[in-house]
Amino acid sequence: MIVLDEQSWSWLLFQNEKNMYLSVVCGSVGIFTVEIELTQAEIASFNAIGRTFIDELASGISFSPDSYLHRKSNFRNEFDLSIAIDKWRESAKS
């Protein structure tokens, strides 16, 4: 698992061999995350449009998290994300 990109205090985009996952920060008083696996159409849109697509998708999730709960992913339990995040943050310092 690797981190592909992030927008601080908004979202993190992850990828493993074949799947992509988005973790979006939601809430105002109580902060929580909604995490989804991207569909093949969303991956194609990201590949075509780039970061702008993820910004728009994350904004929609943040604005209406309940609309995405049916897509909730447990990928945090399947992968050790701390290693991927540490590597990403280290490379960002360089």
N, C-alpha and C. Protein backbone atom coordinates (compact mmCIF):
# COMPACT_ATOMS: atom_id res chain seq x y z
N MET A 1 0.86 -1.17 0.00
CA MET A 1 0.00 0.00 0.00
C MET A 1 0.90 1.23 0.00
N ILE A 2 0.54 2.20 -0.84
CA ILE A 2 1.26 3.46 -0.89
C ILE A 2 0.26 4.62 -0.84
N VAL A 3 0.75 5.77 -0.42
CA VAL A 3 -0.04 6.99 -0.50
C VAL A 3 0.28 7.63 -1.85
N LEU A 4 -0.74 7.94 -2.61
CA LEU A 4 -0.55 8.60 -3.90
C LEU A 4 -0.55 10.12 -3.77
N ASP A 5 -1.41 10.63 -2.89
CA ASP A 5 -1.54 12.07 -2.75
C ASP A 5 -2.35 12.37 -1.49
N GLU A 6 -2.28 13.63 -1.07
CA GLU A 6 -3.11 14.05 0.06
C GLU A 6 -3.37 15.53 -0.01
N GLN A 7 -4.45 15.92 0.60
CA GLN A 7 -4.76 17.32 0.86
C GLN A 7 -4.90 17.41 2.38
N SER A 8 -3.99 18.14 3.02
CA SER A 8 -3.96 18.19 4.49
C SER A 8 -5.32 18.53 5.08
N TRP A 9 -5.67 17.79 6.11
CA TRP A 9 -6.92 17.95 6.84
C TRP A 9 -8.15 17.80 5.94
N SER A 10 -7.98 17.11 4.82
CA SER A 10 -9.11 16.88 3.92
C SER A 10 -9.19 15.42 3.47
N TRP A 11 -8.13 14.91 2.82
CA TRP A 11 -8.19 13.55 2.32
C TRP A 11 -6.80 12.96 2.10
N LEU A 12 -6.76 11.62 2.06
CA LEU A 12 -5.58 10.83 1.70
C LEU A 12 -6.01 9.82 0.65
N LEU A 13 -5.21 9.69 -0.41
CA LEU A 13 -5.50 8.73 -1.47
C LEU A 13 -4.44 7.63 -1.42
N PHE A 14 -4.90 6.38 -1.29
CA PHE A 14 -4.03 5.22 -1.18
C PHE A 14 -4.20 4.32 -2.41
N GLN A 15 -3.16 3.52 -2.67
CA GLN A 15 -3.25 2.54 -3.75
C GLN A 15 -2.48 1.29 -3.36
N ASN A 16 -3.07 0.13 -3.65
CA ASN A 16 -2.31 -1.12 -3.58
C ASN A 16 -2.16 -1.62 -5.00
N GLU A 17 -1.89 -2.89 -5.20
CA GLU A 17 -1.61 -3.42 -6.53
C GLU A 17 -2.68 -3.09 -7.55
N LYS A 18 -3.95 -3.20 -7.15
CA LYS A 18 -5.03 -3.03 -8.13
C LYS A 18 -6.15 -2.09 -7.69
N ASN A 19 -6.17 -1.68 -6.44
CA ASN A 19 -7.27 -0.87 -5.93
C ASN A 19 -6.80 0.48 -5.41
N MET A 20 -7.74 1.43 -5.38
CA MET A 20 -7.45 2.74 -4.79
C MET A 20 -8.51 3.01 -3.72
N TYR A 21 -8.05 3.68 -2.67
CA TYR A 21 -8.91 3.96 -1.52
C TYR A 21 -8.76 5.43 -1.16
N LEU A 22 -9.88 6.03 -0.74
CA LEU A 22 -9.88 7.43 -0.35
C LEU A 22 -10.38 7.54 1.08
N SER A 23 -9.61 8.23 1.90
CA SER A 23 -9.98 8.51 3.28
C SER A 23 -10.24 10.00 3.39
N VAL A 24 -11.47 10.37 3.76
CA VAL A 24 -11.89 11.76 3.77
C VAL A 24 -12.23 12.19 5.19
N VAL A 25 -11.68 13.33 5.60
CA VAL A 25 -11.98 13.90 6.91
C VAL A 25 -13.35 14.59 6.83
N CYS A 26 -14.22 14.26 7.79
CA CYS A 26 -15.57 14.80 7.81
C CYS A 26 -15.86 15.37 9.21
N GLY A 27 -16.88 16.17 9.29
CA GLY A 27 -17.35 16.70 10.57
C GLY A 27 -16.82 18.08 10.85
N SER A 28 -17.38 18.68 11.89
CA SER A 28 -16.92 20.01 12.30
C SER A 28 -16.58 20.01 13.79
N VAL A 29 -17.52 19.67 14.63
CA VAL A 29 -17.24 19.58 16.06
C VAL A 29 -16.60 18.24 16.38
N GLY A 30 -17.18 17.19 15.87
CA GLY A 30 -16.62 15.85 15.99
C GLY A 30 -16.01 15.45 14.66
N ILE A 31 -14.73 15.18 14.65
CA ILE A 31 -14.03 14.83 13.42
C ILE A 31 -14.00 13.31 13.26
N PHE A 32 -14.30 12.83 12.05
CA PHE A 32 -14.24 11.40 11.74
C PHE A 32 -13.85 11.26 10.28
N THR A 33 -13.56 10.04 9.87
CA THR A 33 -13.23 9.81 8.47
C THR A 33 -14.23 8.86 7.84
N VAL A 34 -14.44 9.06 6.56
CA VAL A 34 -15.20 8.13 5.74
C VAL A 34 -14.22 7.60 4.72
N GLU A 35 -14.14 6.29 4.61
CA GLU A 35 -13.16 5.66 3.74
C GLU A 35 -13.87 4.75 2.75
N ILE A 36 -13.57 4.98 1.47
CA ILE A 36 -14.21 4.20 0.41
C ILE A 36 -13.16 3.61 -0.52
N GLU A 37 -13.54 2.55 -1.20
CA GLU A 37 -12.74 2.02 -2.29
C GLU A 37 -13.26 2.67 -3.57
N LEU A 38 -12.37 3.22 -4.37
CA LEU A 38 -12.79 3.86 -5.61
C LEU A 38 -13.26 2.81 -6.61
N THR A 39 -14.29 3.15 -7.35
CA THR A 39 -14.77 2.29 -8.42
C THR A 39 -13.82 2.41 -9.61
N GLN A 40 -13.94 1.51 -10.56
CA GLN A 40 -13.11 1.58 -11.76
C GLN A 40 -13.37 2.87 -12.53
N ALA A 41 -14.61 3.34 -12.54
CA ALA A 41 -14.93 4.61 -13.21
C ALA A 41 -14.25 5.78 -12.51
N GLU A 42 -14.23 5.74 -11.18
CA GLU A 42 -13.57 6.81 -10.42
C GLU A 42 -12.06 6.78 -10.64
N ILE A 43 -11.48 5.60 -10.71
CA ILE A 43 -10.05 5.48 -10.99
C ILE A 43 -9.74 6.03 -12.37
N ALA A 44 -10.59 5.71 -13.35
CA ALA A 44 -10.39 6.25 -14.70
C ALA A 44 -10.51 7.77 -14.71
N SER A 45 -11.44 8.31 -13.94
CA SER A 45 -11.58 9.78 -13.86
C SER A 45 -10.37 10.40 -13.20
N PHE A 46 -9.86 9.77 -12.16
CA PHE A 46 -8.64 10.27 -11.51
C PHE A 46 -7.47 10.24 -12.49
N ASN A 47 -7.34 9.15 -13.23
CA ASN A 47 -6.24 9.04 -14.20
C ASN A 47 -6.36 10.08 -15.30
N ALA A 48 -7.58 10.43 -15.68
CA ALA A 48 -7.80 11.41 -16.75
C ALA A 48 -7.70 12.85 -16.26
N ILE A 49 -8.27 13.12 -15.08
CA ILE A 49 -8.39 14.50 -14.59
C ILE A 49 -7.33 14.83 -13.54
N GLY A 50 -6.99 13.83 -12.73
CA GLY A 50 -6.00 14.04 -11.68
C GLY A 50 -6.61 14.49 -10.37
N ARG A 51 -5.83 15.24 -9.65
CA ARG A 51 -6.15 15.66 -8.28
C ARG A 51 -7.49 16.39 -8.18
N THR A 52 -7.84 17.14 -9.21
CA THR A 52 -9.10 17.88 -9.20
C THR A 52 -10.28 16.95 -9.00
N PHE A 53 -10.23 15.76 -9.63
CA PHE A 53 -11.30 14.80 -9.46
C PHE A 53 -11.41 14.37 -8.00
N ILE A 54 -10.28 14.07 -7.37
CA ILE A 54 -10.28 13.63 -5.97
C ILE A 54 -10.76 14.76 -5.06
N ASP A 55 -10.34 16.00 -5.33
CA ASP A 55 -10.83 17.14 -4.54
C ASP A 55 -12.35 17.22 -4.58
N GLU A 56 -12.92 17.05 -5.77
CA GLU A 56 -14.38 17.14 -5.92
C GLU A 56 -15.08 15.96 -5.25
N LEU A 57 -14.54 14.77 -5.41
CA LEU A 57 -15.13 13.59 -4.77
C LEU A 57 -15.07 13.73 -3.25
N ALA A 58 -13.91 14.13 -2.73
CA ALA A 58 -13.74 14.30 -1.29
C ALA A 58 -14.68 15.38 -0.74
N SER A 59 -14.85 16.44 -1.49
CA SER A 59 -15.77 17.51 -1.08
C SER A 59 -17.19 16.98 -0.96
N GLY A 60 -17.61 16.18 -1.93
CA GLY A 60 -18.94 15.58 -1.88
C GLY A 60 -19.11 14.65 -0.70
N ILE A 61 -18.09 13.87 -0.41
CA ILE A 61 -18.14 12.95 0.74
C ILE A 61 -18.19 13.74 2.04
N SER A 62 -17.36 14.77 2.15
CA SER A 62 -17.31 15.58 3.36
C SER A 62 -18.63 16.31 3.59
N PHE A 63 -19.24 16.78 2.52
CA PHE A 63 -20.50 17.52 2.63
C PHE A 63 -21.67 16.61 3.00
N SER A 64 -21.64 15.38 2.50
CA SER A 64 -22.74 14.45 2.74
C SER A 64 -22.22 13.05 3.02
N PRO A 65 -21.54 12.86 4.17
CA PRO A 65 -20.93 11.56 4.45
C PRO A 65 -21.92 10.40 4.50
N ASP A 66 -23.13 10.66 4.95
CA ASP A 66 -24.13 9.58 5.05
C ASP A 66 -24.43 8.98 3.68
N SER A 67 -24.27 9.76 2.62
CA SER A 67 -24.55 9.27 1.27
C SER A 67 -23.52 8.26 0.80
N TYR A 68 -22.39 8.17 1.50
CA TYR A 68 -21.30 7.28 1.08
C TYR A 68 -21.09 6.12 2.04
N LEU A 69 -21.86 6.06 3.11
CA LEU A 69 -21.64 5.01 4.10
C LEU A 69 -21.85 3.61 3.53
N HIS A 70 -22.69 3.47 2.51
CA HIS A 70 -22.91 2.15 1.90
C HIS A 70 -21.65 1.67 1.16
N ARG A 71 -20.72 2.58 0.91
CA ARG A 71 -19.46 2.24 0.23
C ARG A 71 -18.29 2.12 1.19
N LYS A 72 -18.58 2.19 2.48
CA LYS A 72 -17.53 2.17 3.49
C LYS A 72 -16.60 0.98 3.31
N SER A 73 -15.30 1.26 3.38
CA SER A 73 -14.28 0.23 3.24
C SER A 73 -13.55 0.03 4.56
N ASN A 74 -13.15 -1.20 4.82
CA ASN A 74 -12.36 -1.51 6.02
C ASN A 74 -10.89 -1.69 5.67
N PHE A 75 -10.42 -0.98 4.65
CA PHE A 75 -9.04 -1.20 4.21
C PHE A 75 -8.03 -0.84 5.30
N ARG A 76 -8.37 0.03 6.23
CA ARG A 76 -7.44 0.35 7.33
C ARG A 76 -7.14 -0.89 8.17
N ASN A 77 -8.10 -1.79 8.25
CA ASN A 77 -7.89 -3.03 9.01
C ASN A 77 -7.13 -4.08 8.21
N GLU A 78 -7.13 -3.95 6.89
CA GLU A 78 -6.48 -4.93 6.03
C GLU A 78 -5.01 -4.61 5.76
N PHE A 79 -4.65 -3.33 5.82
CA PHE A 79 -3.30 -2.90 5.46
C PHE A 79 -2.69 -2.07 6.59
N ASP A 80 -1.38 -2.11 6.70
CA ASP A 80 -0.67 -1.28 7.68
C ASP A 80 -0.41 0.08 7.03
N LEU A 81 -1.32 1.00 7.24
CA LEU A 81 -1.23 2.31 6.59
C LEU A 81 -0.18 3.20 7.22
N SER A 82 0.20 2.94 8.44
CA SER A 82 1.18 3.81 9.10
C SER A 82 2.51 3.81 8.35
N ILE A 83 2.92 2.67 7.81
CA ILE A 83 4.16 2.61 7.04
C ILE A 83 4.03 3.43 5.76
N ALA A 84 2.92 3.28 5.06
CA ALA A 84 2.69 4.04 3.83
C ALA A 84 2.66 5.54 4.10
N ILE A 85 2.00 5.94 5.18
CA ILE A 85 1.91 7.37 5.52
C ILE A 85 3.27 7.91 5.92
N ASP A 86 4.02 7.15 6.71
CA ASP A 86 5.37 7.60 7.11
C ASP A 86 6.27 7.79 5.89
N LYS A 87 6.24 6.85 4.96
CA LYS A 87 7.05 6.97 3.74
C LYS A 87 6.64 8.20 2.93
N TRP A 88 5.34 8.42 2.82
CA TRP A 88 4.83 9.58 2.08
C TRP A 88 5.29 10.88 2.72
N ARG A 89 5.16 10.98 4.02
CA ARG A 89 5.53 12.21 4.72
C ARG A 89 7.04 12.46 4.64
N GLU A 90 7.82 11.39 4.71
CA GLU A 90 9.28 11.53 4.59
C GLU A 90 9.65 12.03 3.20
N SER A 91 9.03 11.49 2.18
CA SER A 91 9.33 11.93 0.81
C SER A 91 8.89 13.37 0.58
N ALA A 92 7.86 13.81 1.29
CA ALA A 92 7.39 15.19 1.14
C ALA A 92 8.36 16.18 1.75
N LYS A 93 9.14 15.74 2.73
CA LYS A 93 10.13 16.61 3.36
C LYS A 93 11.32 16.86 2.45
N SER A 94 11.58 15.93 1.55
CA SER A 94 12.76 16.02 0.68
C SER A 94 12.59 17.04 -0.41
